[in-house]
Full PDB file with SEQRES, HELIX, SHEET, SSBOND, CRYST1, ORIGX, SCALE, CONECT and MASTER records, all heavy atoms in Angstrom:
SEQRES   1 A   40  SER ALA PRO GLY PHE ALA ASP ALA LEU GLN ALA ALA LEU          
SEQRES   2 A   40  GLY VAL ARG ILE HIS THR GLY PRO ARG PRO ALA PRO HIS          
SEQRES   3 A   40  PRO PRO HIS ALA ARG SER HIS LEU LEU PRO ALA ALA ALA          
SEQRES   4 A   40  ALA                                                          
HELIX    1 AA1 PHE A    5  LEU A   13  1                                   9    
CRYST1    1.000    1.000    1.000  90.00  90.00  90.00 P 1           1          
ORIGX1      1.000000  0.000000  0.000000        0.00000                         
ORIGX2      0.000000  1.000000  0.000000        0.00000                         
ORIGX3      0.000000  0.000000  1.000000        0.00000                         
SCALE1      1.000000  0.000000  0.000000        0.00000                         
SCALE2      0.000000  1.000000  0.000000        0.00000                         
SCALE3      0.000000  0.000000  1.000000        0.00000                         
ATOM      1  N   SER A   1      -4.295   2.064  25.938  1.00  0.00           N  
ATOM      2  CA  SER A   1      -2.977   1.383  26.024  1.00  0.00           C  
ATOM      3  C   SER A   1      -2.198   1.814  27.265  1.00  0.00           C  
ATOM      4  O   SER A   1      -2.485   2.961  27.737  1.00  0.00           O  
ATOM      5  CB  SER A   1      -2.161   1.528  24.799  1.00  0.00           C  
ATOM      6  OG  SER A   1      -1.875   2.924  24.534  1.00  0.00           O  
ATOM      7  N   ALA A   2      -1.268   1.054  27.659  1.00  0.00           N  
ATOM      8  CA  ALA A   2      -0.449   1.393  28.786  1.00  0.00           C  
ATOM      9  C   ALA A   2       0.501   2.566  28.337  1.00  0.00           C  
ATOM     10  O   ALA A   2       0.830   2.706  27.198  1.00  0.00           O  
ATOM     11  CB  ALA A   2       0.371   0.241  29.282  1.00  0.00           C  
ATOM     12  N   PRO A   3       0.914   3.372  29.364  1.00  0.00           N  
ATOM     13  CA  PRO A   3       1.898   4.422  29.071  1.00  0.00           C  
ATOM     14  C   PRO A   3       3.140   3.863  28.382  1.00  0.00           C  
ATOM     15  O   PRO A   3       3.685   2.821  28.829  1.00  0.00           O  
ATOM     16  CB  PRO A   3       2.207   5.085  30.412  1.00  0.00           C  
ATOM     17  CG  PRO A   3       1.004   4.758  31.259  1.00  0.00           C  
ATOM     18  CD  PRO A   3       0.489   3.437  30.786  1.00  0.00           C  
ATOM     19  N   GLY A   4       3.583   4.430  27.308  1.00  0.00           N  
ATOM     20  CA  GLY A   4       4.800   4.000  26.660  1.00  0.00           C  
ATOM     21  C   GLY A   4       4.552   2.989  25.582  1.00  0.00           C  
ATOM     22  O   GLY A   4       5.496   2.609  24.888  1.00  0.00           O  
ATOM     23  N   PHE A   5       3.297   2.529  25.423  1.00  0.00           N  
ATOM     24  CA  PHE A   5       3.096   1.393  24.396  1.00  0.00           C  
ATOM     25  C   PHE A   5       3.306   1.913  23.065  1.00  0.00           C  
ATOM     26  O   PHE A   5       3.965   1.214  22.233  1.00  0.00           O  
ATOM     27  CB  PHE A   5       1.655   0.904  24.568  1.00  0.00           C  
ATOM     28  CG  PHE A   5       1.215   0.058  23.318  1.00  0.00           C  
ATOM     29  CD1 PHE A   5       1.766  -1.250  23.270  1.00  0.00           C  
ATOM     30  CD2 PHE A   5       0.402   0.494  22.338  1.00  0.00           C  
ATOM     31  CE1 PHE A   5       1.403  -2.061  22.135  1.00  0.00           C  
ATOM     32  CE2 PHE A   5       0.063  -0.312  21.228  1.00  0.00           C  
ATOM     33  CZ  PHE A   5       0.558  -1.545  21.183  1.00  0.00           C  
ATOM     34  N   ALA A   6       2.810   3.085  22.708  1.00  0.00           N  
ATOM     35  CA  ALA A   6       2.982   3.622  21.302  1.00  0.00           C  
ATOM     36  C   ALA A   6       4.439   3.810  21.006  1.00  0.00           C  
ATOM     37  O   ALA A   6       4.982   3.408  19.869  1.00  0.00           O  
ATOM     38  CB  ALA A   6       2.260   4.977  21.166  1.00  0.00           C  
ATOM     39  N   ASP A   7       5.272   4.221  21.912  1.00  0.00           N  
ATOM     40  CA  ASP A   7       6.733   4.336  21.728  1.00  0.00           C  
ATOM     41  C   ASP A   7       7.353   2.998  21.540  1.00  0.00           C  
ATOM     42  O   ASP A   7       8.250   2.793  20.693  1.00  0.00           O  
ATOM     43  CB  ASP A   7       7.390   5.127  22.923  1.00  0.00           C  
ATOM     44  CG  ASP A   7       6.965   6.579  22.918  1.00  0.00           C  
ATOM     45  OD1 ASP A   7       6.554   7.113  21.847  1.00  0.00           O  
ATOM     46  OD2 ASP A   7       7.050   7.224  23.961  1.00  0.00           O  
ATOM     47  N   ALA A   8       6.951   2.003  22.413  1.00  0.00           N  
ATOM     48  CA  ALA A   8       7.547   0.620  22.262  1.00  0.00           C  
ATOM     49  C   ALA A   8       7.187   0.003  20.922  1.00  0.00           C  
ATOM     50  O   ALA A   8       8.034  -0.670  20.338  1.00  0.00           O  
ATOM     51  CB  ALA A   8       6.977  -0.173  23.474  1.00  0.00           C  
ATOM     52  N   LEU A   9       5.905   0.235  20.445  1.00  0.00           N  
ATOM     53  CA  LEU A   9       5.551  -0.342  19.205  1.00  0.00           C  
ATOM     54  C   LEU A   9       6.250   0.321  18.064  1.00  0.00           C  
ATOM     55  O   LEU A   9       6.671  -0.336  17.107  1.00  0.00           O  
ATOM     56  CB  LEU A   9       3.990  -0.202  19.008  1.00  0.00           C  
ATOM     57  CG  LEU A   9       3.417  -0.935  17.845  1.00  0.00           C  
ATOM     58  CD1 LEU A   9       3.651  -2.443  17.949  1.00  0.00           C  
ATOM     59  CD2 LEU A   9       1.896  -0.727  17.776  1.00  0.00           C  
ATOM     60  N   GLN A  10       6.429   1.668  18.151  1.00  0.00           N  
ATOM     61  CA  GLN A  10       7.176   2.307  17.075  1.00  0.00           C  
ATOM     62  C   GLN A  10       8.596   1.896  17.012  1.00  0.00           C  
ATOM     63  O   GLN A  10       9.150   1.715  15.938  1.00  0.00           O  
ATOM     64  CB  GLN A  10       7.069   3.893  17.334  1.00  0.00           C  
ATOM     65  CG  GLN A  10       7.417   4.772  16.181  1.00  0.00           C  
ATOM     66  CD  GLN A  10       8.871   4.896  15.977  1.00  0.00           C  
ATOM     67  OE1 GLN A  10       9.692   4.829  16.932  1.00  0.00           O  
ATOM     68  NE2 GLN A  10       9.301   5.106  14.735  1.00  0.00           N  
ATOM     69  N   ALA A  11       9.212   1.665  18.180  1.00  0.00           N  
ATOM     70  CA  ALA A  11      10.590   1.166  18.210  1.00  0.00           C  
ATOM     71  C   ALA A  11      10.723  -0.252  17.633  1.00  0.00           C  
ATOM     72  O   ALA A  11      11.695  -0.582  16.993  1.00  0.00           O  
ATOM     73  CB  ALA A  11      11.093   1.246  19.631  1.00  0.00           C  
ATOM     74  N   ALA A  12       9.705  -1.051  17.917  1.00  0.00           N  
ATOM     75  CA  ALA A  12       9.671  -2.446  17.519  1.00  0.00           C  
ATOM     76  C   ALA A  12       9.452  -2.571  16.002  1.00  0.00           C  
ATOM     77  O   ALA A  12      10.013  -3.421  15.360  1.00  0.00           O  
ATOM     78  CB  ALA A  12       8.631  -3.276  18.219  1.00  0.00           C  
ATOM     79  N   LEU A  13       8.634  -1.718  15.413  1.00  0.00           N  
ATOM     80  CA  LEU A  13       8.270  -1.773  13.979  1.00  0.00           C  
ATOM     81  C   LEU A  13       8.880  -0.762  13.065  1.00  0.00           C  
ATOM     82  O   LEU A  13       9.002  -0.992  11.904  1.00  0.00           O  
ATOM     83  CB  LEU A  13       6.744  -1.701  13.869  1.00  0.00           C  
ATOM     84  CG  LEU A  13       5.851  -2.690  14.684  1.00  0.00           C  
ATOM     85  CD1 LEU A  13       4.410  -2.480  14.443  1.00  0.00           C  
ATOM     86  CD2 LEU A  13       6.235  -4.126  14.296  1.00  0.00           C  
ATOM     87  N   GLY A  14       9.297   0.370  13.668  1.00  0.00           N  
ATOM     88  CA  GLY A  14       9.837   1.384  12.832  1.00  0.00           C  
ATOM     89  C   GLY A  14       8.854   2.126  11.899  1.00  0.00           C  
ATOM     90  O   GLY A  14       9.250   2.532  10.858  1.00  0.00           O  
ATOM     91  N   VAL A  15       7.570   2.149  12.277  1.00  0.00           N  
ATOM     92  CA  VAL A  15       6.579   2.805  11.481  1.00  0.00           C  
ATOM     93  C   VAL A  15       5.800   3.756  12.375  1.00  0.00           C  
ATOM     94  O   VAL A  15       5.901   3.804  13.580  1.00  0.00           O  
ATOM     95  CB  VAL A  15       5.566   1.772  10.889  1.00  0.00           C  
ATOM     96  CG1 VAL A  15       6.317   0.745  10.039  1.00  0.00           C  
ATOM     97  CG2 VAL A  15       4.805   1.057  12.009  1.00  0.00           C  
ATOM     98  N   ARG A  16       4.970   4.635  11.695  1.00  0.00           N  
ATOM     99  CA  ARG A  16       4.173   5.555  12.428  1.00  0.00           C  
ATOM    100  C   ARG A  16       3.125   4.902  13.209  1.00  0.00           C  
ATOM    101  O   ARG A  16       2.493   3.904  12.757  1.00  0.00           O  
ATOM    102  CB  ARG A  16       3.530   6.586  11.420  1.00  0.00           C  
ATOM    103  CG  ARG A  16       4.516   7.362  10.630  1.00  0.00           C  
ATOM    104  CD  ARG A  16       3.745   8.439   9.786  1.00  0.00           C  
ATOM    105  NE  ARG A  16       2.638   7.841   8.994  1.00  0.00           N  
ATOM    106  CZ  ARG A  16       2.800   7.339   7.815  1.00  0.00           C  
ATOM    107  NH1 ARG A  16       3.986   7.226   7.258  1.00  0.00           N  
ATOM    108  NH2 ARG A  16       1.714   6.909   7.110  1.00  0.00           N  
ATOM    109  N   ILE A  17       2.817   5.405  14.403  1.00  0.00           N  
ATOM    110  CA  ILE A  17       1.738   4.763  15.236  1.00  0.00           C  
ATOM    111  C   ILE A  17       0.731   5.969  15.484  1.00  0.00           C  
ATOM    112  O   ILE A  17       1.072   7.018  15.948  1.00  0.00           O  
ATOM    113  CB  ILE A  17       2.279   4.325  16.626  1.00  0.00           C  
ATOM    114  CG1 ILE A  17       3.462   3.400  16.442  1.00  0.00           C  
ATOM    115  CG2 ILE A  17       1.204   3.694  17.412  1.00  0.00           C  
ATOM    116  CD1 ILE A  17       3.170   2.097  15.616  1.00  0.00           C  
ATOM    117  N   HIS A  18      -0.513   5.656  15.086  1.00  0.00           N  
ATOM    118  CA  HIS A  18      -1.555   6.602  15.277  1.00  0.00           C  
ATOM    119  C   HIS A  18      -2.553   6.138  16.358  1.00  0.00           C  
ATOM    120  O   HIS A  18      -3.020   4.952  16.228  1.00  0.00           O  
ATOM    121  CB  HIS A  18      -2.377   6.894  13.986  1.00  0.00           C  
ATOM    122  CG  HIS A  18      -1.484   7.299  12.846  1.00  0.00           C  
ATOM    123  ND1 HIS A  18      -0.886   8.524  12.809  1.00  0.00           N  
ATOM    124  CD2 HIS A  18      -1.128   6.641  11.661  1.00  0.00           C  
ATOM    125  CE1 HIS A  18      -0.182   8.601  11.684  1.00  0.00           C  
ATOM    126  NE2 HIS A  18      -0.304   7.500  11.009  1.00  0.00           N  
ATOM    127  N   THR A  19      -2.854   6.900  17.352  1.00  0.00           N  
ATOM    128  CA  THR A  19      -3.779   6.527  18.374  1.00  0.00           C  
ATOM    129  C   THR A  19      -5.042   7.385  18.297  1.00  0.00           C  
ATOM    130  O   THR A  19      -5.017   8.563  17.933  1.00  0.00           O  
ATOM    131  CB  THR A  19      -3.185   6.676  19.752  1.00  0.00           C  
ATOM    132  OG1 THR A  19      -2.851   8.053  19.979  1.00  0.00           O  
ATOM    133  CG2 THR A  19      -1.947   5.809  19.873  1.00  0.00           C  
ATOM    134  N   GLY A  20      -6.210   6.798  18.657  1.00  0.00           N  
ATOM    135  CA  GLY A  20      -7.421   7.568  18.567  1.00  0.00           C  
ATOM    136  C   GLY A  20      -8.620   6.638  18.804  1.00  0.00           C  
ATOM    137  O   GLY A  20      -8.495   5.440  18.994  1.00  0.00           O  
ATOM    138  N   PRO A  21      -9.869   7.144  18.834  1.00  0.00           N  
ATOM    139  CA  PRO A  21     -11.043   6.359  18.996  1.00  0.00           C  
ATOM    140  C   PRO A  21     -11.269   5.428  17.851  1.00  0.00           C  
ATOM    141  O   PRO A  21     -10.909   5.815  16.710  1.00  0.00           O  
ATOM    142  CB  PRO A  21     -12.139   7.321  19.175  1.00  0.00           C  
ATOM    143  CG  PRO A  21     -11.710   8.533  18.550  1.00  0.00           C  
ATOM    144  CD  PRO A  21     -10.205   8.569  18.719  1.00  0.00           C  
ATOM    145  N   ARG A  22     -11.945   4.331  18.052  1.00  0.00           N  
ATOM    146  CA  ARG A  22     -12.386   3.465  16.922  1.00  0.00           C  
ATOM    147  C   ARG A  22     -13.307   4.175  16.032  1.00  0.00           C  
ATOM    148  O   ARG A  22     -14.325   4.798  16.520  1.00  0.00           O  
ATOM    149  CB  ARG A  22     -13.014   2.224  17.529  1.00  0.00           C  
ATOM    150  CG  ARG A  22     -13.371   1.187  16.511  1.00  0.00           C  
ATOM    151  CD  ARG A  22     -14.307   0.117  17.075  1.00  0.00           C  
ATOM    152  NE  ARG A  22     -15.601   0.714  17.315  1.00  0.00           N  
ATOM    153  CZ  ARG A  22     -16.600   0.141  18.004  1.00  0.00           C  
ATOM    154  NH1 ARG A  22     -16.453  -1.073  18.513  1.00  0.00           N  
ATOM    155  NH2 ARG A  22     -17.775   0.660  18.181  1.00  0.00           N  
ATOM    156  N   PRO A  23     -13.104   4.216  14.706  1.00  0.00           N  
ATOM    157  CA  PRO A  23     -14.009   4.962  13.838  1.00  0.00           C  
ATOM    158  C   PRO A  23     -15.317   4.246  13.667  1.00  0.00           C  
ATOM    159  O   PRO A  23     -15.487   3.044  14.054  1.00  0.00           O  
ATOM    160  CB  PRO A  23     -13.281   4.968  12.480  1.00  0.00           C  
ATOM    161  CG  PRO A  23     -12.311   3.770  12.624  1.00  0.00           C  
ATOM    162  CD  PRO A  23     -11.946   3.625  14.022  1.00  0.00           C  
ATOM    163  N   ALA A  24     -16.319   4.975  13.210  1.00  0.00           N  
ATOM    164  CA  ALA A  24     -17.617   4.399  12.996  1.00  0.00           C  
ATOM    165  C   ALA A  24     -17.528   3.322  11.871  1.00  0.00           C  
ATOM    166  O   ALA A  24     -16.825   3.481  10.927  1.00  0.00           O  
ATOM    167  CB  ALA A  24     -18.642   5.486  12.668  1.00  0.00           C  
ATOM    168  N   PRO A  25     -18.371   2.233  12.041  1.00  0.00           N  
ATOM    169  CA  PRO A  25     -18.292   1.203  11.097  1.00  0.00           C  
ATOM    170  C   PRO A  25     -19.047   1.581   9.808  1.00  0.00           C  
ATOM    171  O   PRO A  25     -19.909   2.410   9.810  1.00  0.00           O  
ATOM    172  CB  PRO A  25     -18.991   0.050  11.755  1.00  0.00           C  
ATOM    173  CG  PRO A  25     -19.941   0.717  12.719  1.00  0.00           C  
ATOM    174  CD  PRO A  25     -19.251   1.968  13.153  1.00  0.00           C  
ATOM    175  N   HIS A  26     -18.600   0.957   8.729  1.00  0.00           N  
ATOM    176  CA  HIS A  26     -19.305   1.167   7.438  1.00  0.00           C  
ATOM    177  C   HIS A  26     -19.254  -0.135   6.664  1.00  0.00           C  
ATOM    178  O   HIS A  26     -18.143  -0.503   6.264  1.00  0.00           O  
ATOM    179  CB  HIS A  26     -18.702   2.355   6.619  1.00  0.00           C  
ATOM    180  CG  HIS A  26     -19.504   2.674   5.411  1.00  0.00           C  
ATOM    181  ND1 HIS A  26     -20.661   3.487   5.512  1.00  0.00           N  
ATOM    182  CD2 HIS A  26     -19.379   2.329   4.140  1.00  0.00           C  
ATOM    183  CE1 HIS A  26     -21.157   3.623   4.282  1.00  0.00           C  
ATOM    184  NE2 HIS A  26     -20.389   2.940   3.464  1.00  0.00           N  
ATOM    185  N   PRO A  27     -20.367  -0.788   6.475  1.00  0.00           N  
ATOM    186  CA  PRO A  27     -20.290  -2.063   5.760  1.00  0.00           C  
ATOM    187  C   PRO A  27     -19.697  -1.919   4.359  1.00  0.00           C  
ATOM    188  O   PRO A  27     -20.031  -0.954   3.659  1.00  0.00           O  
ATOM    189  CB  PRO A  27     -21.771  -2.563   5.717  1.00  0.00           C  
ATOM    190  CG  PRO A  27     -22.397  -1.820   6.878  1.00  0.00           C  
ATOM    191  CD  PRO A  27     -21.691  -0.569   6.927  1.00  0.00           C  
ATOM    192  N   PRO A  28     -18.928  -2.818   3.855  1.00  0.00           N  
ATOM    193  CA  PRO A  28     -18.323  -2.764   2.545  1.00  0.00           C  
ATOM    194  C   PRO A  28     -19.467  -3.023   1.485  1.00  0.00           C  
ATOM    195  O   PRO A  28     -20.531  -3.616   1.697  1.00  0.00           O  
ATOM    196  CB  PRO A  28     -17.355  -3.891   2.492  1.00  0.00           C  
ATOM    197  CG  PRO A  28     -17.874  -4.868   3.501  1.00  0.00           C  
ATOM    198  CD  PRO A  28     -18.479  -4.092   4.587  1.00  0.00           C  
ATOM    199  N   HIS A  29     -19.179  -2.426   0.256  1.00  0.00           N  
ATOM    200  CA  HIS A  29     -20.166  -2.628  -0.801  1.00  0.00           C  
ATOM    201  C   HIS A  29     -20.278  -4.108  -1.255  1.00  0.00           C  
ATOM    202  O   HIS A  29     -21.323  -4.593  -1.526  1.00  0.00           O  
ATOM    203  CB  HIS A  29     -19.785  -1.749  -2.008  1.00  0.00           C  
ATOM    204  CG  HIS A  29     -19.848  -0.263  -1.709  1.00  0.00           C  
ATOM    205  ND1 HIS A  29     -21.026   0.366  -1.430  1.00  0.00           N  
ATOM    206  CD2 HIS A  29     -18.943   0.668  -1.653  1.00  0.00           C  
ATOM    207  CE1 HIS A  29     -20.741   1.636  -1.216  1.00  0.00           C  
ATOM    208  NE2 HIS A  29     -19.497   1.879  -1.342  1.00  0.00           N  
ATOM    209  N   ALA A  30     -19.108  -4.727  -1.349  1.00  0.00           N  
ATOM    210  CA  ALA A  30     -19.055  -6.157  -1.689  1.00  0.00           C  
ATOM    211  C   ALA A  30     -19.175  -6.998  -0.441  1.00  0.00           C  
ATOM    212  O   ALA A  30     -18.296  -6.970   0.392  1.00  0.00           O  
ATOM    213  CB  ALA A  30     -17.850  -6.498  -2.421  1.00  0.00           C  
ATOM    214  N   ARG A  31     -20.285  -7.710  -0.214  1.00  0.00           N  
ATOM    215  CA  ARG A  31     -20.431  -8.578   0.897  1.00  0.00           C  
ATOM    216  C   ARG A  31     -19.607  -9.791   0.925  1.00  0.00           C  
ATOM    217  O   ARG A  31     -19.266 -10.273  -0.131  1.00  0.00           O  
ATOM    218  CB  ARG A  31     -21.937  -8.905   1.084  1.00  0.00           C  
ATOM    219  CG  ARG A  31     -22.881  -7.726   1.282  1.00  0.00           C  
ATOM    220  CD  ARG A  31     -22.620  -6.967   2.549  1.00  0.00           C  
ATOM    221  NE  ARG A  31     -23.385  -5.730   2.703  1.00  0.00           N  
ATOM    222  CZ  ARG A  31     -24.599  -5.669   3.163  1.00  0.00           C  
ATOM    223  NH1 ARG A  31     -25.221  -6.801   3.582  1.00  0.00           N  
ATOM    224  NH2 ARG A  31     -25.204  -4.593   3.300  1.00  0.00           N  
ATOM    225  N   SER A  32     -19.383 -10.331   2.097  1.00  0.00           N  
ATOM    226  CA  SER A  32     -18.532 -11.498   2.267  1.00  0.00           C  
ATOM    227  C   SER A  32     -19.311 -12.788   1.864  1.00  0.00           C  
ATOM    228  O   SER A  32     -18.653 -13.793   1.480  1.00  0.00           O  
ATOM    229  CB  SER A  32     -17.957 -11.585   3.671  1.00  0.00           C  
ATOM    230  OG  SER A  32     -19.117 -11.911   4.547  1.00  0.00           O  
ATOM    231  N   HIS A  33     -20.582 -12.724   2.057  1.00  0.00           N  
ATOM    232  CA  HIS A  33     -21.450 -13.946   1.751  1.00  0.00           C  
ATOM    233  C   HIS A  33     -21.237 -15.088   2.744  1.00  0.00           C  
ATOM    234  O   HIS A  33     -21.644 -16.267   2.431  1.00  0.00           O  
ATOM    235  CB  HIS A  33     -21.285 -14.447   0.318  1.00  0.00           C  
ATOM    236  CG  HIS A  33     -21.603 -13.392  -0.738  1.00  0.00           C  
ATOM    237  ND1 HIS A  33     -22.848 -12.900  -0.864  1.00  0.00           N  
ATOM    238  CD2 HIS A  33     -20.789 -12.790  -1.676  1.00  0.00           C  
ATOM    239  CE1 HIS A  33     -22.821 -11.962  -1.903  1.00  0.00           C  
ATOM    240  NE2 HIS A  33     -21.672 -11.920  -2.333  1.00  0.00           N  
ATOM    241  N   LEU A  34     -20.637 -14.818   3.825  1.00  0.00           N  
ATOM    242  CA  LEU A  34     -20.513 -15.852   4.853  1.00  0.00           C  
ATOM    243  C   LEU A  34     -21.950 -16.187   5.451  1.00  0.00           C  
ATOM    244  O   LEU A  34     -22.759 -15.315   5.626  1.00  0.00           O  
ATOM    245  CB  LEU A  34     -19.704 -15.354   6.052  1.00  0.00           C  
ATOM    246  CG  LEU A  34     -18.102 -15.250   5.776  1.00  0.00           C  
ATOM    247  CD1 LEU A  34     -17.396 -14.627   6.923  1.00  0.00           C  
ATOM    248  CD2 LEU A  34     -17.572 -16.706   5.476  1.00  0.00           C  
ATOM    249  N   LEU A  35     -22.148 -17.444   5.681  1.00  0.00           N  
ATOM    250  CA  LEU A  35     -23.481 -17.904   6.180  1.00  0.00           C  
ATOM    251  C   LEU A  35     -23.274 -19.176   7.009  1.00  0.00           C  
ATOM    252  O   LEU A  35     -23.011 -20.198   6.445  1.00  0.00           O  
ATOM    253  CB  LEU A  35     -24.413 -18.190   4.986  1.00  0.00           C  
ATOM    254  CG  LEU A  35     -25.861 -18.598   5.423  1.00  0.00           C  
ATOM    255  CD1 LEU A  35     -26.663 -17.570   6.234  1.00  0.00           C  
ATOM    256  CD2 LEU A  35     -26.654 -18.937   4.185  1.00  0.00           C  
ATOM    257  N   PRO A  36     -23.434 -19.050   8.303  1.00  0.00           N  
ATOM    258  CA  PRO A  36     -23.280 -20.261   9.099  1.00  0.00           C  
ATOM    259  C   PRO A  36     -24.391 -21.276   8.706  1.00  0.00           C  
ATOM    260  O   PRO A  36     -25.460 -21.043   8.282  1.00  0.00           O  
ATOM    261  CB  PRO A  36     -23.584 -19.829  10.561  1.00  0.00           C  
ATOM    262  CG  PRO A  36     -23.229 -18.368  10.504  1.00  0.00           C  
ATOM    263  CD  PRO A  36     -23.666 -17.880   9.146  1.00  0.00           C  
ATOM    264  N   ALA A  37     -24.009 -22.628   8.716  1.00  0.00           N  
ATOM    265  CA  ALA A  37     -24.865 -23.653   8.313  1.00  0.00           C  
ATOM    266  C   ALA A  37     -26.172 -23.647   9.097  1.00  0.00           C  
ATOM    267  O   ALA A  37     -27.247 -23.864   8.560  1.00  0.00           O  
ATOM    268  CB  ALA A  37     -24.245 -25.053   8.464  1.00  0.00           C  
ATOM    269  N   ALA A  38     -26.115 -23.311  10.376  1.00  0.00           N  
ATOM    270  CA  ALA A  38     -27.295 -23.264  11.247  1.00  0.00           C  
ATOM    271  C   ALA A  38     -28.220 -22.164  10.761  1.00  0.00           C  
ATOM    272  O   ALA A  38     -29.453 -22.330  10.777  1.00  0.00           O  
ATOM    273  CB  ALA A  38     -26.900 -23.011  12.729  1.00  0.00           C  
ATOM    274  N   ALA A  39     -27.657 -21.026  10.329  1.00  0.00           N  
ATOM    275  CA  ALA A  39     -28.528 -19.945   9.764  1.00  0.00           C  
ATOM    276  C   ALA A  39     -29.165 -20.387   8.467  1.00  0.00           C  
ATOM    277  O   ALA A  39     -30.356 -20.056   8.192  1.00  0.00           O  
ATOM    278  CB  ALA A  39     -27.753 -18.706   9.620  1.00  0.00           C  
ATOM    279  N   ALA A  40     -28.424 -21.115   7.618  1.00  0.00           N  
ATOM    280  CA  ALA A  40     -28.947 -21.581   6.392  1.00  0.00           C  
ATOM    281  C   ALA A  40     -30.141 -22.481   6.641  1.00  0.00           C  
ATOM    282  O   ALA A  40     -31.118 -22.503   5.905  1.00  0.00           O  
ATOM    283  CB  ALA A  40     -27.882 -22.224   5.529  1.00  0.00           C  
TER     284      ALA A  40                                                      
MASTER        0    0    0    1    0    0    0    6  283    1    0    4          
END                                                                             
């Protein structure tokens, strides 16, 4: 993010802002069951 973004967002929302790398993904236990018609 640009310098000052975290402070600007904190001022706009009034909540804690945490910055860091994107965590590793982990698929949920309950699947969404989405299926494009073309795939079906």
